[in-house]
């Protein structure tokens, strides 16, 4: 994959940063996209082969300018990882419309806008789109009406992309992470919540950012050249386990 270019949104931290590092390790150049200017520039400093671009993926004009700059400075786009996302955890009755729109604008509109802007350039030589959804897009859970709905829509958008773009050599797949040991998760998940997740997951642990990034990079590689329209739940078996009773498992 040397000489090829990947765009990674939400690249300043977490899964996006982990994916960036793996892409670089296999010889790709990476356009690192994030709206957190300070954090983006800090992590990009000293990294060879990256182009950090400050961009809010929910804003069409910023997305168009971002893609134009990638083409101007890197010449091509071979992979697009739509990872940027925000979360809001409120009951349905307490989720106001402003919160709903904020989540949808980044999580869903951002995927649509970045893909639409990149597709004409990717079609010149083919490539791969990987959209990051969530296990919350596959199975409903409390307090996730906006977040879960946005991620379910990303899954359907991925399938639409796969069906429409295959003829021009663009593959589209989706990764749905389960609980991941990010700094944010560790900070907001109480010991009780973590214990409950462990009991619900066959692998009995959270995933790591690099484990999710490995799936992303694989789907962007030639090793996945016949894989498109798929949703990979990188979740330790969480989705497969459904709502099985922890008490029965303990028996």
C-alpha atoms as a PDB file:
ATOM      1  CA  UNK A   1       0.000   0.000   0.000  1.00  0.00           C
ATOM      2  CA  UNK A   2       3.018   2.299  -0.171  1.00  0.00           C
ATOM      3  CA  UNK A   3       2.394   5.590  -1.952  1.00  0.00           C
ATOM      4  CA  UNK A   4      -1.342   5.472  -1.347  1.00  0.00           C
ATOM      5  CA  UNK A   5      -3.292   8.023   0.666  1.00  0.00           C
ATOM      6  CA  UNK A   6      -5.869   7.556   3.401  1.00  0.00           C
ATOM      7  CA  UNK A   7      -8.131  10.185   4.920  1.00  0.00           C
ATOM      8  CA  UNK A   8      -8.988   9.572   8.571  1.00  0.00           C
ATOM      9  CA  UNK A   9     -11.538  11.819  10.251  1.00  0.00           C
ATOM     10  CA  UNK A  10     -11.563  12.203  14.007  1.00  0.00           C
ATOM     11  CA  UNK A  11      -7.845  11.473  13.852  1.00  0.00           C
ATOM     12  CA  UNK A  12      -6.657  13.494  16.826  1.00  0.00           C
ATOM     13  CA  UNK A  13      -7.340  10.778  19.382  1.00  0.00           C
ATOM     14  CA  UNK A  14      -8.744   7.340  20.043  1.00  0.00           C
ATOM     15  CA  UNK A  15      -9.542   4.937  17.227  1.00  0.00           C
ATOM     16  CA  UNK A  16      -8.766   7.517  14.542  1.00  0.00           C
ATOM     17  CA  UNK A  17      -5.267   8.112  15.876  1.00  0.00           C
ATOM     18  CA  UNK A  18      -4.654   4.376  16.239  1.00  0.00           C
ATOM     19  CA  UNK A  19      -5.744   3.811  12.622  1.00  0.00           C
ATOM     20  CA  UNK A  20      -3.480   6.632  11.459  1.00  0.00           C
ATOM     21  CA  UNK A  21      -0.474   4.994  13.076  1.00  0.00           C
ATOM     22  CA  UNK A  22      -1.241   1.619  11.510  1.00  0.00           C
ATOM     23  CA  UNK A  23      -1.671   3.176   8.067  1.00  0.00           C
ATOM     24  CA  UNK A  24       1.690   4.889   8.427  1.00  0.00           C
ATOM     25  CA  UNK A  25       3.299   1.627   9.512  1.00  0.00           C
ATOM     26  CA  UNK A  26       2.217  -0.039   6.254  1.00  0.00           C
ATOM     27  CA  UNK A  27       3.575   2.833   4.177  1.00  0.00           C
ATOM     28  CA  UNK A  28       0.491   4.909   3.464  1.00  0.00           C
ATOM     29  CA  UNK A  29       0.320   8.670   3.698  1.00  0.00           C
ATOM     30  CA  UNK A  30      -2.480   9.935   5.925  1.00  0.00           C
ATOM     31  CA  UNK A  31      -4.557  13.098   5.914  1.00  0.00           C
ATOM     32  CA  UNK A  32      -5.466  13.525   9.573  1.00  0.00           C
ATOM     33  CA  UNK A  33      -8.771  15.367   9.937  1.00  0.00           C
ATOM     34  CA  UNK A  34     -10.187  16.811  13.145  1.00  0.00           C
ATOM     35  CA  UNK A  35     -11.927  19.952  14.370  1.00  0.00           C
ATOM     36  CA  UNK A  36      -9.885  20.029  17.602  1.00  0.00           C
ATOM     37  CA  UNK A  37      -7.040  22.123  16.238  1.00  0.00           C
ATOM     38  CA  UNK A  38      -4.836  22.086  19.328  1.00  0.00           C
ATOM     39  CA  UNK A  39      -4.975  18.320  19.841  1.00  0.00           C
ATOM     40  CA  UNK A  40      -4.608  17.570  16.139  1.00  0.00           C
ATOM     41  CA  UNK A  41      -1.481  19.660  15.752  1.00  0.00           C
ATOM     42  CA  UNK A  42      -0.009  18.262  18.953  1.00  0.00           C
ATOM     43  CA  UNK A  43      -0.344  14.599  17.942  1.00  0.00           C
ATOM     44  CA  UNK A  44       0.658  15.234  14.312  1.00  0.00           C
ATOM     45  CA  UNK A  45       3.850  17.027  15.307  1.00  0.00           C
ATOM     46  CA  UNK A  46       6.817  14.849  14.423  1.00  0.00           C
ATOM     47  CA  UNK A  47       4.798  12.236  12.522  1.00  0.00           C
ATOM     48  CA  UNK A  48       6.170  11.670   9.023  1.00  0.00           C
ATOM     49  CA  UNK A  49       3.789  11.165   6.119  1.00  0.00           C
ATOM     50  CA  UNK A  50       0.808  12.986   7.603  1.00  0.00           C
ATOM     51  CA  UNK A  51      -1.140  16.058   6.554  1.00  0.00           C
ATOM     52  CA  UNK A  52      -3.138  17.494   9.464  1.00  0.00           C
ATOM     53  CA  UNK A  53      -6.206  19.455   8.377  1.00  0.00           C
ATOM     54  CA  UNK A  54      -8.581  21.246  10.711  1.00  0.00           C
ATOM     55  CA  UNK A  55     -12.114  20.519   9.533  1.00  0.00           C
ATOM     56  CA  UNK A  56     -15.614  20.147  10.954  1.00  0.00           C
ATOM     57  CA  UNK A  57     -17.033  17.277   8.913  1.00  0.00           C
ATOM     58  CA  UNK A  58     -20.599  18.489   9.438  1.00  0.00           C
ATOM     59  CA  UNK A  59     -19.904  21.640   7.399  1.00  0.00           C
ATOM     60  CA  UNK A  60     -20.096  21.137   3.596  1.00  0.00           C
ATOM     61  CA  UNK A  61     -17.795  24.034   2.708  1.00  0.00           C
ATOM     62  CA  UNK A  62     -15.111  22.845   5.123  1.00  0.00           C
ATOM     63  CA  UNK A  63     -15.343  19.294   3.798  1.00  0.00           C
ATOM     64  CA  UNK A  64     -14.998  20.441   0.194  1.00  0.00           C
ATOM     65  CA  UNK A  65     -11.972  22.561   1.103  1.00  0.00           C
ATOM     66  CA  UNK A  66     -10.437  19.660   3.040  1.00  0.00           C
ATOM     67  CA  UNK A  67     -10.731  17.210   0.144  1.00  0.00           C
ATOM     68  CA  UNK A  68      -9.402  19.801  -2.299  1.00  0.00           C
ATOM     69  CA  UNK A  69      -6.345  20.310  -0.112  1.00  0.00           C
ATOM     70  CA  UNK A  70      -5.732  16.565   0.167  1.00  0.00           C
ATOM     71  CA  UNK A  71      -5.785  16.265  -3.624  1.00  0.00           C
ATOM     72  CA  UNK A  72      -3.602  19.349  -4.049  1.00  0.00           C
ATOM     73  CA  UNK A  73      -0.934  18.154  -1.597  1.00  0.00           C
ATOM     74  CA  UNK A  74      -1.186  14.356  -1.796  1.00  0.00           C
ATOM     75  CA  UNK A  75      -2.524  13.836  -5.310  1.00  0.00           C
ATOM     76  CA  UNK A  76      -4.977  11.010  -4.675  1.00  0.00           C
ATOM     77  CA  UNK A  77      -7.384   9.405  -2.218  1.00  0.00           C
ATOM     78  CA  UNK A  78      -7.308   5.621  -1.870  1.00  0.00           C
ATOM     79  CA  UNK A  79      -9.071   5.127   1.453  1.00  0.00           C
ATOM     80  CA  UNK A  80     -11.540   7.128   3.512  1.00  0.00           C
ATOM     81  CA  UNK A  81     -12.181   6.324   7.162  1.00  0.00           C
ATOM     82  CA  UNK A  82     -15.233   8.174   8.432  1.00  0.00           C
ATOM     83  CA  UNK A  83     -14.474   7.976  12.133  1.00  0.00           C
ATOM     84  CA  UNK A  84     -15.404  11.422  13.496  1.00  0.00           C
ATOM     85  CA  UNK A  85     -18.307  11.211  15.906  1.00  0.00           C
ATOM     86  CA  UNK A  86     -19.979  12.690  18.949  1.00  0.00           C
ATOM     87  CA  UNK A  87     -22.167  11.128  21.615  1.00  0.00           C
ATOM     88  CA  UNK A  88     -25.069  12.222  23.781  1.00  0.00           C
ATOM     89  CA  UNK A  89     -26.603   9.939  26.383  1.00  0.00           C
ATOM     90  CA  UNK A  90     -30.067  11.051  27.476  1.00  0.00           C
ATOM     91  CA  UNK A  91     -33.494   9.390  27.769  1.00  0.00           C
ATOM     92  CA  UNK A  92     -35.816   9.908  24.800  1.00  0.00           C
ATOM     93  CA  UNK A  93     -37.994  12.344  26.711  1.00  0.00           C
ATOM     94  CA  UNK A  94     -35.027  14.497  27.712  1.00  0.00           C
ATOM     95  CA  UNK A  95     -33.247  14.570  24.353  1.00  0.00           C
ATOM     96  CA  UNK A  96     -33.968  18.001  22.904  1.00  0.00           C
ATOM     97  CA  UNK A  97     -33.934  18.656  19.178  1.00  0.00           C
ATOM     98  CA  UNK A  98     -30.691  20.644  19.340  1.00  0.00           C
ATOM     99  CA  UNK A  99     -28.905  17.641  20.851  1.00  0.00           C
ATOM    100  CA  UNK A 100     -30.477  15.337  18.262  1.00  0.00           C
ATOM    101  CA  UNK A 101     -29.301  17.535  15.388  1.00  0.00           C
ATOM    102  CA  UNK A 102     -25.799  17.941  16.843  1.00  0.00           C
ATOM    103  CA  UNK A 103     -25.349  14.173  16.940  1.00  0.00           C
ATOM    104  CA  UNK A 104     -26.818  13.646  13.474  1.00  0.00           C
ATOM    105  CA  UNK A 105     -24.781  16.436  11.890  1.00  0.00           C
ATOM    106  CA  UNK A 106     -21.450  14.883  12.818  1.00  0.00           C
ATOM    107  CA  UNK A 107     -22.236  11.180  12.961  1.00  0.00           C
ATOM    108  CA  UNK A 108     -24.390  10.895   9.840  1.00  0.00           C
ATOM    109  CA  UNK A 109     -24.117  14.095   7.796  1.00  0.00           C
ATOM    110  CA  UNK A 110     -20.334  14.022   8.200  1.00  0.00           C
ATOM    111  CA  UNK A 111     -20.106  10.525   6.735  1.00  0.00           C
ATOM    112  CA  UNK A 112     -22.315  11.531   3.816  1.00  0.00           C
ATOM    113  CA  UNK A 113     -20.457  14.773   3.092  1.00  0.00           C
ATOM    114  CA  UNK A 114     -16.922  13.357   3.315  1.00  0.00           C
ATOM    115  CA  UNK A 115     -17.842  10.371   1.171  1.00  0.00           C
ATOM    116  CA  UNK A 116     -19.585  12.463  -1.453  1.00  0.00           C
ATOM    117  CA  UNK A 117     -16.606  14.822  -1.724  1.00  0.00           C
ATOM    118  CA  UNK A 118     -14.026  12.023  -1.909  1.00  0.00           C
ATOM    119  CA  UNK A 119     -15.822   9.594  -4.246  1.00  0.00           C
ATOM    120  CA  UNK A 120     -14.981  11.352  -7.565  1.00  0.00           C
ATOM    121  CA  UNK A 121     -11.279  11.210  -6.693  1.00  0.00           C
ATOM    122  CA  UNK A 122     -11.379   7.644  -5.395  1.00  0.00           C
ATOM    123  CA  UNK A 123     -13.182   6.471  -8.532  1.00  0.00           C
ATOM    124  CA  UNK A 124     -10.114   7.314 -10.629  1.00  0.00           C
ATOM    125  CA  UNK A 125      -8.238   4.283  -9.303  1.00  0.00           C
ATOM    126  CA  UNK A 126     -10.654   2.570  -6.903  1.00  0.00           C
ATOM    127  CA  UNK A 127     -10.405   2.392  -3.166  1.00  0.00           C
ATOM    128  CA  UNK A 128     -12.173   1.722   0.097  1.00  0.00           C
ATOM    129  CA  UNK A 129     -14.537   3.554   2.408  1.00  0.00           C
ATOM    130  CA  UNK A 130     -14.794   2.390   6.004  1.00  0.00           C
ATOM    131  CA  UNK A 131     -17.487   3.993   8.115  1.00  0.00           C
ATOM    132  CA  UNK A 132     -17.319   3.708  11.888  1.00  0.00           C
ATOM    133  CA  UNK A 133     -20.705   2.959  13.408  1.00  0.00           C
ATOM    134  CA  UNK A 134     -21.199   1.342  16.812  1.00  0.00           C
ATOM    135  CA  UNK A 135     -22.681  -1.696  18.438  1.00  0.00           C
ATOM    136  CA  UNK A 136     -25.384   0.802  19.447  1.00  0.00           C
ATOM    137  CA  UNK A 137     -26.400   0.878  15.784  1.00  0.00           C
ATOM    138  CA  UNK A 138     -27.018  -2.875  15.831  1.00  0.00           C
ATOM    139  CA  UNK A 139     -28.766  -3.292  19.164  1.00  0.00           C
ATOM    140  CA  UNK A 140     -30.808  -0.760  21.079  1.00  0.00           C
ATOM    141  CA  UNK A 141     -29.800   0.379  24.535  1.00  0.00           C
ATOM    142  CA  UNK A 142     -30.988   2.899  27.075  1.00  0.00           C
ATOM    143  CA  UNK A 143     -29.956   6.568  26.787  1.00  0.00           C
ATOM    144  CA  UNK A 144     -28.848   6.201  23.141  1.00  0.00           C
ATOM    145  CA  UNK A 145     -31.783   7.430  21.095  1.00  0.00           C
ATOM    146  CA  UNK A 146     -29.736   9.996  19.129  1.00  0.00           C
ATOM    147  CA  UNK A 147     -26.405   8.182  19.134  1.00  0.00           C
ATOM    148  CA  UNK A 148     -27.777   4.733  18.362  1.00  0.00           C
ATOM    149  CA  UNK A 149     -30.115   6.008  15.651  1.00  0.00           C
ATOM    150  CA  UNK A 150     -27.289   7.925  13.975  1.00  0.00           C
ATOM    151  CA  UNK A 151     -25.084   4.832  13.954  1.00  0.00           C
ATOM    152  CA  UNK A 152     -27.877   2.622  12.599  1.00  0.00           C
ATOM    153  CA  UNK A 153     -28.248   5.132   9.765  1.00  0.00           C
ATOM    154  CA  UNK A 154     -24.494   4.952   9.095  1.00  0.00           C
ATOM    155  CA  UNK A 155     -24.825   1.188   8.680  1.00  0.00           C
ATOM    156  CA  UNK A 156     -27.566   1.630   6.072  1.00  0.00           C
ATOM    157  CA  UNK A 157     -25.604   4.391   4.332  1.00  0.00           C
ATOM    158  CA  UNK A 158     -22.646   2.016   4.090  1.00  0.00           C
ATOM    159  CA  UNK A 159     -24.793  -0.568   2.314  1.00  0.00           C
ATOM    160  CA  UNK A 160     -26.060   2.089  -0.094  1.00  0.00           C
ATOM    161  CA  UNK A 161     -22.483   3.077  -0.856  1.00  0.00           C
ATOM    162  CA  UNK A 162     -21.446  -0.518  -1.471  1.00  0.00           C
ATOM    163  CA  UNK A 163     -24.305  -1.114  -3.900  1.00  0.00           C
ATOM    164  CA  UNK A 164     -23.813   2.101  -5.860  1.00  0.00           C
ATOM    165  CA  UNK A 165     -20.034   2.375  -5.891  1.00  0.00           C
ATOM    166  CA  UNK A 166     -18.913  -1.160  -6.642  1.00  0.00           C
ATOM    167  CA  UNK A 167     -19.017  -0.527 -10.376  1.00  0.00           C
ATOM    168  CA  UNK A 168     -16.388   2.205 -10.059  1.00  0.00           C
ATOM    169  CA  UNK A 169     -14.107   0.053  -7.919  1.00  0.00           C
ATOM    170  CA  UNK A 170     -14.948   1.529  -4.529  1.00  0.00           C
ATOM    171  CA  UNK A 171     -15.669  -0.839  -1.669  1.00  0.00           C
ATOM    172  CA  UNK A 172     -17.646   0.316   1.371  1.00  0.00           C
ATOM    173  CA  UNK A 173     -17.740  -1.446   4.721  1.00  0.00           C
ATOM    174  CA  UNK A 174     -18.672  -0.593   8.269  1.00  0.00           C
ATOM    175  CA  UNK A 175     -17.024  -1.307  11.613  1.00  0.00           C
ATOM    176  CA  UNK A 176     -19.279  -1.369  14.670  1.00  0.00           C
ATOM    177  CA  UNK A 177     -17.104  -1.212  17.790  1.00  0.00           C
ATOM    178  CA  UNK A 178     -18.344  -2.454  21.108  1.00  0.00           C
ATOM    179  CA  UNK A 179     -17.073  -1.048  24.412  1.00  0.00           C
ATOM    180  CA  UNK A 180     -13.525   0.203  23.890  1.00  0.00           C
ATOM    181  CA  UNK A 181     -11.056   1.219  26.584  1.00  0.00           C
ATOM    182  CA  UNK A 182     -10.660   4.834  25.494  1.00  0.00           C
ATOM    183  CA  UNK A 183      -9.751   7.545  27.977  1.00  0.00           C
ATOM    184  CA  UNK A 184     -13.324   8.822  27.792  1.00  0.00           C
ATOM    185  CA  UNK A 185     -14.847   5.404  28.502  1.00  0.00           C
ATOM    186  CA  UNK A 186     -12.564   4.811  31.435  1.00  0.00           C
ATOM    187  CA  UNK A 187     -13.488   8.228  32.821  1.00  0.00           C
ATOM    188  CA  UNK A 188     -17.269   7.938  32.500  1.00  0.00           C
ATOM    189  CA  UNK A 189     -17.868   4.208  33.030  1.00  0.00           C
ATOM    190  CA  UNK A 190     -18.153   3.402  36.714  1.00  0.00           C
ATOM    191  CA  UNK A 191     -16.781   0.114  38.061  1.00  0.00           C
ATOM    192  CA  UNK A 192     -20.383  -1.152  38.142  1.00  0.00           C
ATOM    193  CA  UNK A 193     -20.911  -0.320  34.460  1.00  0.00           C
ATOM    194  CA  UNK A 194     -17.633  -1.946  33.475  1.00  0.00           C
ATOM    195  CA  UNK A 195     -18.498  -5.072  35.453  1.00  0.00           C
ATOM    196  CA  UNK A 196     -21.894  -5.248  33.741  1.00  0.00           C
ATOM    197  CA  UNK A 197     -20.279  -4.987  30.319  1.00  0.00           C
ATOM    198  CA  UNK A 198     -17.787  -7.714  31.186  1.00  0.00           C
ATOM    199  CA  UNK A 199     -20.617 -10.046  32.158  1.00  0.00           C
ATOM    200  CA  UNK A 200     -22.512  -9.322  28.930  1.00  0.00           C
ATOM    201  CA  UNK A 201     -19.526  -9.916  26.633  1.00  0.00           C
ATOM    202  CA  UNK A 202     -18.185 -13.390  25.804  1.00  0.00           C
ATOM    203  CA  UNK A 203     -14.599 -12.119  25.833  1.00  0.00           C
ATOM    204  CA  UNK A 204     -15.222 -10.489  29.236  1.00  0.00           C
ATOM    205  CA  UNK A 205     -13.247  -7.310  28.550  1.00  0.00           C
ATOM    206  CA  UNK A 206     -13.231  -4.026  26.695  1.00  0.00           C
ATOM    207  CA  UNK A 207     -11.494  -3.806  23.349  1.00  0.00           C
ATOM    208  CA  UNK A 208      -8.524  -1.565  22.660  1.00  0.00           C
ATOM    209  CA  UNK A 209      -8.260   1.273  20.185  1.00  0.00           C
ATOM    210  CA  UNK A 210      -5.607  -0.634  18.225  1.00  0.00           C
ATOM    211  CA  UNK A 211      -7.813  -3.744  17.968  1.00  0.00           C
ATOM    212  CA  UNK A 212     -10.530  -1.690  16.277  1.00  0.00           C
ATOM    213  CA  UNK A 213      -7.941   0.057  14.100  1.00  0.00           C
ATOM    214  CA  UNK A 214      -6.617  -3.312  12.904  1.00  0.00           C
ATOM    215  CA  UNK A 215     -10.066  -4.157  11.511  1.00  0.00           C
ATOM    216  CA  UNK A 216     -10.303  -0.746   9.819  1.00  0.00           C
ATOM    217  CA  UNK A 217      -6.901  -1.042   8.162  1.00  0.00           C
ATOM    218  CA  UNK A 218      -7.651  -4.585   7.012  1.00  0.00           C
ATOM    219  CA  UNK A 219     -10.884  -3.466   5.328  1.00  0.00           C
ATOM    220  CA  UNK A 220      -8.955  -0.708   3.543  1.00  0.00           C
ATOM    221  CA  UNK A 221      -6.299  -3.125   2.297  1.00  0.00           C
ATOM    222  CA  UNK A 222      -6.012  -5.364  -0.747  1.00  0.00           C
ATOM    223  CA  UNK A 223      -6.489  -8.324   1.600  1.00  0.00           C
ATOM    224  CA  UNK A 224     -10.169  -7.325   1.731  1.00  0.00           C
ATOM    225  CA  UNK A 225     -10.454  -6.796  -2.027  1.00  0.00           C
ATOM    226  CA  UNK A 226     -13.648  -8.900  -2.325  1.00  0.00           C
ATOM    227  CA  UNK A 227     -15.315  -7.558   0.827  1.00  0.00           C
ATOM    228  CA  UNK A 228     -17.936  -4.844   0.483  1.00  0.00           C
ATOM    229  CA  UNK A 229     -21.283  -3.962   2.022  1.00  0.00           C
ATOM    230  CA  UNK A 230     -20.395  -5.672   5.293  1.00  0.00           C
ATOM    231  CA  UNK A 231     -20.796  -4.679   8.926  1.00  0.00           C
ATOM    232  CA  UNK A 232     -18.066  -6.012  11.197  1.00  0.00           C
ATOM    233  CA  UNK A 233     -18.966  -5.919  14.874  1.00  0.00           C
ATOM    234  CA  UNK A 234     -15.610  -5.628  16.626  1.00  0.00           C
ATOM    235  CA  UNK A 235     -17.219  -6.035  20.011  1.00  0.00           C
ATOM    236  CA  UNK A 236     -15.921  -9.050  21.901  1.00  0.00           C
ATOM    237  CA  UNK A 237     -19.098 -10.940  21.049  1.00  0.00           C
ATOM    238  CA  UNK A 238     -21.407  -8.372  22.651  1.00  0.00           C
ATOM    239  CA  UNK A 239     -23.901  -8.257  19.771  1.00  0.00           C
ATOM    240  CA  UNK A 240     -23.932 -12.029  19.343  1.00  0.00           C
ATOM    241  CA  UNK A 241     -24.727 -12.539  23.017  1.00  0.00           C
ATOM    242  CA  UNK A 242     -27.949 -10.520  22.748  1.00  0.00           C
ATOM    243  CA  UNK A 243     -29.663  -9.995  26.072  1.00  0.00           C
ATOM    244  CA  UNK A 244     -28.733 -13.306  27.661  1.00  0.00           C
ATOM    245  CA  UNK A 245     -29.094 -13.378  31.435  1.00  0.00           C
ATOM    246  CA  UNK A 246     -25.843 -12.934  33.297  1.00  0.00           C
ATOM    247  CA  UNK A 247     -27.183 -15.141  36.085  1.00  0.00           C
ATOM    248  CA  UNK A 248     -27.461 -18.108  33.701  1.00  0.00           C
ATOM    249  CA  UNK A 249     -23.933 -17.563  32.418  1.00  0.00           C
ATOM    250  CA  UNK A 250     -22.627 -17.560  35.970  1.00  0.00           C
ATOM    251  CA  UNK A 251     -24.175 -20.978  36.490  1.00  0.00           C
END
